[in-house]
Amino acid sequence: MSVEFEPWDDQETRSLIERFEGMLGFKGHYFFDVDDLEDIIDFYLERNNLSKARQAINLAMSQHPLNVSFLIRKAHFLLASDKTDEALLVLDEAESLDPVNSDILYTRAALFSKMKRYAEAIDQYLQALPEAEEQDEVYAYIAFEYENLGNYDMALEYLKKGVAINAENFSALYEISFCYEVVQKLEEGISWFKAFLDKHPYSKVAWFCLGVLHSTSGEYEQAIDAYDFVIAIDESYSSAYFNKANAYANLRNYNKALELYKETLGYEDPEVTTYFYIGECYQELEDYENALIFFKKALEMDEFFAESYVGMAEVYESLGQPELSVELMKKALDLYPENSDFWQQLADLLSDQKLYKEALEALEEAAKIDPTALELRDHQAWIYADMGDLVTAELKLLKAMEEQPEDVMLKYHLGSVVWMSGRIPEALLILDSPLTDSFDLHDYLFDFFPDLKTNQELLNFIGNFKKA
């Protein structure tokens, strides 16, 4: 028997499918009642076994030619087979037999959605809404179509209608949080979830979503408070531990983050990202031995997880093993050669070894991937400055500033290059603007040339801009 059952398939289902496949094997012809045939077709459609689904549908239509449920299932089969126009015709036939069957509306909506005819999908769901047993689910379907149209404000409107009916529609709550993030209305989202929690204080999902929005806003302490409420309601809610750990990591409390990442492992199977983040925490704590252990654990779980190679490269750089660091960075790029950030990190590692030609070649690869990335010119300028080629460094910075004339970092970098070129008065004029407007960012001035931190003439000039 070729069929593979899932652990949750009951004995009745197994017997039914074995009987059907036995019939196919012996080329016999058995009679199945309508309920059995519906179960058989659904079994194969759920597993995307279209060949067997087609055979089951053909048998069903031959035995029950005017049964609308089989026409609807045939439409689902045609949808899965990318035969959308045929599926629509089948649904028209079904509707002629049973004009008030709401399943026809849902199926047609799914078809329109797949055909990217989202407004028509919404219309089908709206027609189905008055008679729907679970209206909150229909509101969610409508919201998803508005998301497909890029209209997240309308999506939010319908998602909120759904949770007003069913406050325990958890998927809708998660989606509300997601939509607020997409439209970048984080404060509004936080306010909405707080109001929702005033009415439903024990909604763990709402507390979790509130935590996510606080984290996205950079309000990590408030996020931690929200995740604490989640855990108080449900101590096995593993994602709350994980997100709480992320919040502590963003607050640079790496020991607490480590404790929580490890606690996550007690409530769910290990995931590659959990091992990786544990490695990152150890890396930040300069416990490089344990950092390497967990980066390697992540790779054992997923050999294609390139970020672990990057983490290991950074660790070996810190340990003074630059050749191994470069080798590991190249392994990450073997997995994801289209990652511009990886090429830039490789350029940093190569320039640290004074391998300037190779470093610039790495930046050229990054530029091929993302030619509009202005930071690449700044990065190139950095390398040319390290080479002592201040003329080219200055030209790269000026080119970058043509496109971002108000970029504070570029102004500081240009000022430092001009200073080191010996044109002190010109450098002071360049630095006047960023020191006036963004004094708190003046450490950028020392990025290219750290020795400038001890240049008394420059320090005296900077001191003129320091507010009392």
Protein backbone atom coordinates (compact mmCIF):
# COMPACT_ATOMS: atom_id res chain seq x y z
CA MET A 1 0.00 0.00 0.00
CA SER A 2 1.61 3.30 -1.14
CA VAL A 3 -0.52 5.63 0.94
CA GLU A 4 1.15 7.31 3.93
CA PHE A 5 -1.03 8.14 6.90
CA GLU A 6 -0.45 10.83 9.48
CA PRO A 7 -0.52 10.05 13.22
CA TRP A 8 -3.79 11.96 13.60
CA ASP A 9 -5.64 9.97 10.93
CA ASP A 10 -8.26 7.85 12.72
CA GLN A 11 -8.89 4.20 11.99
CA GLU A 12 -12.09 4.94 10.09
CA THR A 13 -10.20 7.23 7.70
CA ARG A 14 -7.43 4.67 7.24
CA SER A 15 -9.93 1.91 6.46
CA LEU A 16 -11.80 4.14 4.01
CA ILE A 17 -8.65 5.13 2.10
CA GLU A 18 -7.37 1.53 2.05
CA ARG A 19 -10.73 0.41 0.62
CA PHE A 20 -10.61 3.12 -2.07
CA GLU A 21 -7.01 2.37 -3.04
CA GLY A 22 -7.76 -1.34 -3.02
CA MET A 23 -10.50 -0.69 -5.54
CA LEU A 24 -8.06 1.25 -7.74
CA GLY A 25 -5.49 -1.55 -7.47
CA PHE A 26 -7.94 -4.23 -8.55
CA LYS A 27 -9.62 -1.93 -11.10
CA GLY A 28 -12.90 -2.77 -9.41
CA HIS A 29 -15.92 -0.58 -8.95
CA TYR A 30 -17.27 -0.11 -5.43
CA PHE A 31 -20.12 2.10 -4.32
CA PHE A 32 -19.29 4.77 -1.70
CA ASP A 33 -21.86 7.00 -0.06
CA VAL A 34 -21.56 10.78 -0.32
CA ASP A 35 -19.94 11.34 3.07
CA ASP A 36 -17.30 8.71 2.37
CA LEU A 37 -16.44 10.20 -1.00
CA GLU A 38 -16.20 13.70 0.48
CA ASP A 39 -13.75 12.36 3.08
CA ILE A 40 -11.70 10.55 0.42
CA ILE A 41 -11.44 13.62 -1.81
CA ASP A 42 -10.59 15.87 1.14
CA PHE A 43 -7.90 13.40 2.27
CA TYR A 44 -6.08 13.68 -1.05
CA LEU A 45 -6.63 17.42 -1.54
CA GLU A 46 -5.20 18.14 1.92
CA ARG A 47 -2.06 16.21 0.96
CA ASN A 48 -1.93 17.80 -2.51
CA ASN A 49 -2.10 14.32 -4.05
CA LEU A 50 -3.84 15.61 -7.16
CA SER A 51 -3.67 12.37 -9.11
CA LYS A 52 -5.63 10.43 -6.50
CA ALA A 53 -7.92 13.41 -5.85
CA ARG A 54 -8.83 13.44 -9.55
CA GLN A 55 -9.64 9.72 -9.48
CA ALA A 56 -11.79 10.16 -6.38
CA ILE A 57 -13.64 13.12 -7.92
CA ASN A 58 -14.28 11.23 -11.15
CA LEU A 59 -15.74 8.30 -9.16
CA ALA A 60 -17.87 10.68 -7.07
CA MET A 61 -19.23 12.49 -10.14
CA SER A 62 -20.05 9.21 -11.87
CA GLN A 63 -21.98 7.93 -8.86
CA HIS A 64 -23.55 11.26 -7.80
CA PRO A 65 -23.53 13.52 -10.90
CA LEU A 66 -25.69 16.33 -9.50
CA ASN A 67 -24.09 16.60 -6.08
CA VAL A 68 -23.01 20.21 -5.50
CA SER A 69 -20.41 19.33 -2.84
CA PHE A 70 -18.49 17.29 -5.42
CA LEU A 71 -18.61 20.16 -7.90
CA ILE A 72 -17.17 22.43 -5.25
CA ARG A 73 -14.43 19.91 -4.52
CA LYS A 74 -13.75 19.64 -8.23
CA ALA A 75 -13.29 23.41 -8.28
CA HIS A 76 -10.79 23.10 -5.41
CA PHE A 77 -8.97 20.42 -7.39
CA LEU A 78 -8.84 22.66 -10.46
CA LEU A 79 -7.64 25.55 -8.30
CA ALA A 80 -4.80 23.40 -6.96
CA SER A 81 -4.04 22.40 -10.57
CA ASP A 82 -3.83 26.09 -11.62
CA LYS A 83 -6.86 25.69 -13.90
CA THR A 84 -8.68 28.71 -12.52
CA ASP A 85 -10.87 29.46 -15.53
CA GLU A 86 -12.19 25.88 -15.57
CA ALA A 87 -12.77 26.08 -11.83
CA LEU A 88 -14.91 29.20 -12.24
CA LEU A 89 -17.08 27.43 -14.82
CA VAL A 90 -17.55 24.48 -12.45
CA LEU A 91 -18.63 26.87 -9.70
CA ASP A 92 -21.12 28.52 -12.06
CA GLU A 93 -22.59 25.07 -12.67
CA ALA A 94 -22.76 24.40 -8.93
CA GLU A 95 -24.46 27.75 -8.33
CA SER A 96 -27.11 26.95 -10.92
CA LEU A 97 -27.96 23.83 -8.88
CA ASP A 98 -27.74 25.47 -5.44
CA PRO A 99 -27.81 29.30 -5.62
CA VAL A 100 -27.60 29.81 -1.83
CA ASN A 101 -24.66 27.54 -1.08
CA SER A 102 -22.12 29.72 0.74
CA ASP A 103 -19.27 27.26 0.07
CA ILE A 104 -19.51 28.32 -3.58
CA LEU A 105 -18.85 31.92 -2.53
CA TYR A 106 -15.84 30.95 -0.41
CA THR A 107 -14.36 28.82 -3.16
CA ARG A 108 -14.92 31.49 -5.80
CA ALA A 109 -13.28 34.02 -3.47
CA ALA A 110 -10.23 31.76 -3.16
CA LEU A 111 -10.11 31.47 -6.94
CA PHE A 112 -10.32 35.24 -7.44
CA SER A 113 -7.57 35.70 -4.87
CA LYS A 114 -5.27 33.28 -6.68
CA MET A 115 -6.03 35.14 -9.92
CA LYS A 116 -5.06 38.40 -8.15
CA ARG A 117 -8.60 39.68 -8.54
CA TYR A 118 -8.67 40.72 -4.91
CA ALA A 119 -11.57 43.19 -5.07
CA GLU A 120 -13.79 40.47 -6.54
CA ALA A 121 -12.66 38.07 -3.81
CA ILE A 122 -13.73 40.64 -1.22
CA ASP A 123 -17.14 40.94 -2.90
CA GLN A 124 -17.64 37.15 -2.63
CA TYR A 125 -16.76 37.17 1.07
CA LEU A 126 -19.12 40.09 1.71
CA GLN A 127 -21.93 38.14 0.06
CA ALA A 128 -21.16 35.15 2.30
CA LEU A 129 -20.91 37.22 5.47
CA PRO A 130 -24.60 37.54 6.54
CA GLU A 131 -25.13 33.76 6.73
CA ALA A 132 -21.66 32.84 8.01
CA GLU A 133 -21.54 30.83 11.23
CA GLU A 134 -18.10 32.24 12.10
CA GLN A 135 -18.25 35.82 10.91
CA ASP A 136 -14.96 36.68 12.56
CA GLU A 137 -13.20 34.27 10.19
CA VAL A 138 -14.88 35.86 7.17
CA TYR A 139 -13.78 39.30 8.36
CA ALA A 140 -10.23 37.92 8.54
CA TYR A 141 -10.48 36.59 4.97
CA ILE A 142 -11.61 40.03 3.80
CA ALA A 143 -8.71 41.62 5.69
CA PHE A 144 -6.20 39.33 3.97
CA GLU A 145 -7.51 40.41 0.58
CA TYR A 146 -7.13 44.06 1.56
CA GLU A 147 -3.56 43.24 2.55
CA ASN A 148 -3.07 41.78 -0.93
CA LEU A 149 -4.27 45.12 -2.28
CA GLY A 150 -1.78 46.91 -0.01
CA ASN A 151 -4.63 48.59 1.88
CA TYR A 152 -3.60 47.82 5.45
CA ASP A 153 -5.88 50.43 6.99
CA MET A 154 -8.93 48.62 5.61
CA ALA A 155 -7.39 45.31 6.65
CA LEU A 156 -7.16 46.64 10.20
CA GLU A 157 -10.78 47.75 10.07
CA TYR A 158 -12.02 44.26 9.21
CA LEU A 159 -9.66 42.47 11.59
CA LYS A 160 -10.98 44.63 14.42
CA LYS A 161 -14.55 43.76 13.44
CA GLY A 162 -13.57 40.11 13.74
CA VAL A 163 -12.07 40.34 17.23
CA ALA A 164 -15.05 42.41 18.35
CA ILE A 165 -17.10 39.28 17.66
CA ASN A 166 -14.53 36.78 18.89
CA ALA A 167 -11.86 38.12 21.23
CA GLU A 168 -10.12 34.74 21.07
CA ASN A 169 -9.45 34.87 17.36
CA PHE A 170 -5.71 34.73 17.98
CA SER A 171 -4.66 34.76 14.33
CA ALA A 172 -6.58 38.02 13.86
CA LEU A 173 -4.83 39.58 16.86
CA TYR A 174 -1.42 38.61 15.48
CA GLU A 175 -2.43 40.06 12.12
CA ILE A 176 -3.53 43.34 13.71
CA SER A 177 -0.08 43.68 15.25
CA PHE A 178 1.53 42.88 11.90
CA CYS A 179 -0.56 45.50 10.07
CA TYR A 180 0.32 48.21 12.57
CA GLU A 181 3.99 47.40 12.02
CA VAL A 182 3.63 47.53 8.23
CA VAL A 183 1.94 50.95 8.25
CA GLN A 184 4.37 52.11 10.96
CA LYS A 185 1.60 53.27 13.28
CA LEU A 186 3.21 51.76 16.33
CA GLU A 187 1.84 54.22 18.89
CA GLU A 188 -1.67 53.75 17.55
CA GLY A 189 -1.22 49.99 17.70
CA ILE A 190 0.02 50.12 21.28
CA SER A 191 -2.98 52.24 22.26
CA TRP A 192 -5.38 49.83 20.54
CA PHE A 193 -3.97 46.77 22.28
CA LYS A 194 -4.02 48.53 25.66
CA ALA A 195 -7.70 49.35 25.14
CA PHE A 196 -8.36 45.76 24.07
CA LEU A 197 -6.60 44.48 27.20
CA ASP A 198 -8.71 46.75 29.41
CA LYS A 199 -11.66 44.61 28.25
CA HIS A 200 -9.77 41.30 27.98
CA PRO A 201 -6.98 41.42 30.58
CA TYR A 202 -6.23 37.69 30.35
CA SER A 203 -5.62 37.61 26.60
CA LYS A 204 -2.10 36.23 26.40
CA VAL A 205 -1.93 36.82 22.66
CA ALA A 206 -2.89 40.49 23.05
CA TRP A 207 -0.19 40.93 25.71
CA PHE A 208 2.29 39.25 23.38
CA CYS A 209 1.34 41.53 20.48
CA LEU A 210 1.65 44.55 22.76
CA GLY A 211 5.15 43.38 23.63
CA VAL A 212 6.04 43.03 19.95
CA LEU A 213 4.90 46.59 19.19
CA HIS A 214 6.82 47.98 22.17
CA SER A 215 9.94 46.11 21.01
CA THR A 216 9.55 47.41 17.47
CA SER A 217 9.28 50.91 18.95
CA GLY A 218 12.52 50.36 20.87
CA GLU A 219 10.62 50.41 24.18
CA TYR A 220 12.25 47.27 25.51
CA GLU A 221 11.41 47.71 29.19
CA GLN A 222 7.71 48.03 28.38
CA ALA A 223 8.01 45.04 26.06
CA ILE A 224 9.48 42.96 28.89
CA ASP A 225 6.58 43.96 31.14
CA ALA A 226 4.11 42.81 28.47
CA TYR A 227 5.91 39.47 28.01
CA ASP A 228 5.86 38.98 31.77
CA PHE A 229 2.06 39.18 31.67
CA VAL A 230 2.04 36.56 28.90
CA ILE A 231 4.15 34.21 31.00
CA ALA A 232 2.01 34.85 34.09
CA ILE A 233 -1.07 33.76 32.12
CA ASP A 234 0.64 30.85 30.35
CA GLU A 235 4.08 29.84 31.57
CA SER A 236 4.54 27.52 28.57
CA TYR A 237 4.22 30.33 26.00
CA SER A 238 7.72 29.80 24.57
CA SER A 239 7.67 32.76 22.17
CA ALA A 240 7.25 35.12 25.12
CA TYR A 241 10.50 33.84 26.66
CA PHE A 242 12.24 34.15 23.29
CA ASN A 243 11.03 37.70 22.63
CA LYS A 244 11.75 38.71 26.20
CA ALA A 245 15.30 37.41 25.70
CA ASN A 246 15.57 39.51 22.52
CA ALA A 247 14.47 42.58 24.47
CA TYR A 248 17.12 42.01 27.15
CA ALA A 249 19.73 41.49 24.41
CA ASN A 250 18.74 44.83 22.89
CA LEU A 251 19.22 46.36 26.35
CA ARG A 252 22.69 44.74 26.36
CA ASN A 253 21.77 42.63 29.37
CA TYR A 254 23.26 39.54 27.79
CA ASN A 255 23.35 37.40 30.92
CA LYS A 256 19.60 37.80 31.43
CA ALA A 257 19.02 37.20 27.71
CA LEU A 258 21.03 33.98 27.90
CA GLU A 259 18.97 32.79 30.84
CA LEU A 260 15.74 33.36 28.91
CA TYR A 261 16.95 31.86 25.62
CA LYS A 262 17.88 28.72 27.52
CA GLU A 263 14.53 28.75 29.31
CA THR A 264 12.85 28.82 25.88
CA LEU A 265 14.46 25.46 25.16
CA GLY A 266 12.51 23.99 28.06
CA TYR A 267 9.18 24.76 26.37
CA GLU A 268 9.87 24.00 22.71
CA ASP A 269 12.20 21.97 20.56
CA PRO A 270 15.51 23.70 19.86
CA GLU A 271 15.49 26.04 16.89
CA VAL A 272 18.47 27.18 14.90
CA THR A 273 17.81 30.86 15.68
CA THR A 274 17.75 30.18 19.42
CA TYR A 275 21.17 28.54 19.30
CA PHE A 276 22.45 31.39 17.13
CA TYR A 277 21.21 34.11 19.48
CA ILE A 278 22.72 32.28 22.45
CA GLY A 279 26.00 32.29 20.53
CA GLU A 280 25.66 36.02 19.89
CA CYS A 281 25.13 36.70 23.59
CA TYR A 282 28.25 34.75 24.51
CA GLN A 283 30.09 36.65 21.79
CA GLU A 284 29.03 39.99 23.29
CA LEU A 285 30.17 38.75 26.72
CA GLU A 286 33.52 37.81 25.11
CA ASP A 287 32.99 34.20 26.11
CA TYR A 288 34.24 33.08 22.74
CA GLU A 289 34.50 29.39 23.60
CA ASN A 290 30.78 29.12 24.33
CA ALA A 291 29.93 31.42 21.42
CA LEU A 292 31.63 29.00 19.03
CA ILE A 293 29.89 26.02 20.66
CA PHE A 294 26.44 27.49 19.99
CA PHE A 295 27.22 28.80 16.52
CA LYS A 296 28.31 25.26 15.67
CA LYS A 297 25.14 23.84 17.26
CA ALA A 298 23.13 26.09 14.93
CA LEU A 299 25.07 24.76 11.94
CA GLU A 300 24.56 21.17 13.06
CA MET A 301 20.83 21.86 12.99
CA ASP A 302 20.93 23.73 9.67
CA GLU A 303 24.11 23.54 7.60
CA PHE A 304 22.81 26.35 5.38
CA PHE A 305 22.43 28.86 8.23
CA ALA A 306 25.01 31.33 6.93
CA GLU A 307 24.71 33.73 9.86
CA SER A 308 26.50 31.17 12.06
CA TYR A 309 29.53 31.29 9.77
CA VAL A 310 29.42 35.08 10.06
CA GLY A 311 29.28 34.86 13.86
CA MET A 312 32.20 32.44 13.93
CA ALA A 313 34.15 34.73 11.58
CA GLU A 314 33.65 37.63 13.98
CA VAL A 315 34.76 35.49 16.93
CA TYR A 316 37.95 34.35 15.23
CA GLU A 317 38.68 37.94 14.25
CA SER A 318 38.40 38.88 17.92
CA LEU A 319 40.70 35.94 18.77
CA GLY A 320 43.34 37.26 16.40
CA GLN A 321 42.91 34.60 13.72
CA PRO A 322 42.13 36.74 10.65
CA GLU A 323 42.86 34.07 8.03
CA LEU A 324 40.31 31.68 9.56
CA SER A 325 37.88 34.58 9.90
CA VAL A 326 38.10 35.32 6.17
CA GLU A 327 37.69 31.62 5.34
CA LEU A 328 34.49 31.42 7.38
CA MET A 329 33.13 34.63 5.86
CA LYS A 330 33.67 33.14 2.42
CA LYS A 331 31.71 30.05 3.49
CA ALA A 332 28.78 32.32 4.38
CA LEU A 333 29.05 33.89 0.93
CA ASP A 334 29.15 30.46 -0.72
CA LEU A 335 25.70 29.93 0.77
CA TYR A 336 24.35 33.43 0.07
CA PRO A 337 26.43 35.15 -2.62
CA GLU A 338 23.68 37.74 -3.13
CA ASN A 339 24.02 39.13 0.39
CA SER A 340 25.50 42.62 0.14
CA ASP A 341 26.12 42.88 3.89
CA PHE A 342 28.23 39.70 3.83
CA TRP A 343 30.44 41.13 1.08
CA GLN A 344 30.92 44.31 3.11
CA GLN A 345 31.90 42.31 6.19
CA LEU A 346 34.40 40.38 4.09
CA ALA A 347 35.79 43.70 2.88
CA ASP A 348 36.28 44.80 6.50
CA LEU A 349 38.12 41.60 7.36
CA LEU A 350 40.35 41.88 4.30
CA SER A 351 41.15 45.56 4.86
CA ASP A 352 42.08 44.79 8.49
CA GLN A 353 44.74 42.49 7.01
CA LYS A 354 45.85 45.28 4.64
CA LEU A 355 44.53 43.24 1.70
CA TYR A 356 43.11 46.38 0.15
CA LYS A 357 42.78 45.16 -3.43
CA GLU A 358 40.72 42.14 -2.35
CA ALA A 359 38.69 44.34 0.03
CA LEU A 360 37.77 46.76 -2.75
CA GLU A 361 36.86 43.83 -5.00
CA ALA A 362 34.51 42.58 -2.26
CA LEU A 363 32.86 46.00 -2.15
CA GLU A 364 32.47 45.90 -5.93
CA GLU A 365 30.57 42.63 -5.53
CA ALA A 366 28.35 44.30 -2.92
CA ALA A 367 27.74 47.19 -5.32
CA LYS A 368 26.65 44.78 -8.08
CA ILE A 369 23.97 43.44 -5.73
CA ASP A 370 22.81 46.82 -4.45
CA PRO A 371 24.16 49.62 -6.67
CA THR A 372 22.04 52.24 -4.85
CA ALA A 373 23.58 51.53 -1.42
CA LEU A 374 25.19 54.85 -0.53
CA GLU A 375 27.06 53.35 2.43
CA LEU A 376 29.24 51.46 -0.05
CA ARG A 377 30.94 54.68 -1.16
CA ASP A 378 31.58 55.58 2.46
CA HIS A 379 32.96 52.08 2.98
CA GLN A 380 35.23 52.47 -0.05
CA ALA A 381 36.39 55.84 1.27
CA TRP A 382 37.25 54.19 4.58
CA ILE A 383 39.48 51.64 2.83
CA TYR A 384 41.18 54.27 0.65
CA ALA A 385 41.83 56.35 3.75
CA ASP A 386 43.36 53.33 5.46
CA MET A 387 45.56 52.88 2.37
CA GLY A 388 46.68 56.50 2.67
CA ASP A 389 44.98 57.49 -0.59
CA LEU A 390 43.20 60.51 0.82
CA VAL A 391 42.42 62.00 -2.60
CA THR A 392 40.34 59.00 -3.67
CA ALA A 393 38.77 58.75 -0.21
CA GLU A 394 37.64 62.36 -0.49
CA LEU A 395 36.23 61.82 -3.99
CA LYS A 396 34.20 58.82 -2.80
CA LEU A 397 32.75 60.84 0.09
CA LEU A 398 31.90 63.79 -2.14
CA LYS A 399 30.12 61.45 -4.54
CA ALA A 400 28.10 59.98 -1.69
CA MET A 401 27.20 63.46 -0.43
CA GLU A 402 25.83 64.43 -3.85
CA GLU A 403 23.02 61.99 -3.13
CA GLN A 404 22.83 62.49 0.65
CA PRO A 405 23.98 66.07 1.28
CA GLU A 406 22.57 66.20 4.82
CA ASP A 407 24.03 62.89 6.03
CA VAL A 408 25.80 63.73 9.31
CA MET A 409 28.14 60.73 9.26
CA LEU A 410 29.38 61.60 5.77
CA LYS A 411 30.07 65.19 6.85
CA TYR A 412 32.16 64.02 9.81
CA HIS A 413 34.04 61.52 7.65
CA LEU A 414 34.73 64.14 4.98
CA GLY A 415 35.92 66.60 7.61
CA SER A 416 38.37 64.04 9.00
CA VAL A 417 39.78 63.23 5.54
CA VAL A 418 40.23 66.92 4.67
CA TRP A 419 41.88 67.49 8.08
CA MET A 420 44.33 64.66 7.49
CA SER A 421 45.03 66.12 4.04
CA GLY A 422 46.46 69.17 5.82
CA ARG A 423 43.68 71.56 4.81
CA ILE A 424 42.77 72.51 8.38
CA PRO A 425 40.69 75.68 7.75
CA GLU A 426 38.62 73.87 5.11
CA ALA A 427 38.09 70.93 7.48
CA LEU A 428 36.88 73.28 10.23
CA LEU A 429 34.32 74.78 7.85
CA ILE A 430 33.04 71.30 6.93
CA LEU A 431 32.82 70.23 10.58
CA ASP A 432 31.04 73.38 11.76
CA SER A 433 27.64 72.17 10.50
CA PRO A 434 27.57 68.64 11.99
CA LEU A 435 29.08 69.81 15.28
CA THR A 436 26.39 72.48 15.54
CA ASP A 437 23.46 70.27 14.57
CA SER A 438 24.57 66.82 15.77
CA PHE A 439 27.27 67.22 18.39
CA ASP A 440 26.28 63.96 20.09
CA LEU A 441 27.38 62.09 16.94
CA HIS A 442 30.84 63.63 16.75
CA ASP A 443 32.53 60.28 17.44
CA TYR A 444 32.02 59.63 13.70
CA LEU A 445 34.89 62.07 13.27
CA PHE A 446 37.32 59.44 14.57
CA ASP A 447 36.08 56.48 12.52
CA PHE A 448 38.71 56.74 9.79
CA PHE A 449 41.51 58.10 11.94
CA PRO A 450 41.29 57.08 15.64
CA ASP A 451 44.52 58.99 16.38
CA LEU A 452 42.60 62.23 15.93
CA LYS A 453 41.20 61.62 19.41
CA THR A 454 44.51 62.90 20.77
CA ASN A 455 44.84 65.91 18.42
CA GLN A 456 44.59 68.84 20.81
CA GLU A 457 43.88 71.45 18.15
CA LEU A 458 40.92 69.43 16.92
CA LEU A 459 39.71 68.65 20.45
CA ASN A 460 39.80 72.37 21.31
CA PHE A 461 37.69 73.12 18.23
CA ILE A 462 35.19 70.40 19.16
CA GLY A 463 34.99 71.75 22.70
CA ASN A 464 33.63 75.04 21.36
CA PHE A 465 30.42 73.26 20.38
CA LYS A 466 29.88 71.33 23.59
CA LYS A 467 26.77 72.53 25.37
CA ALA A 468 27.08 73.26 29.07
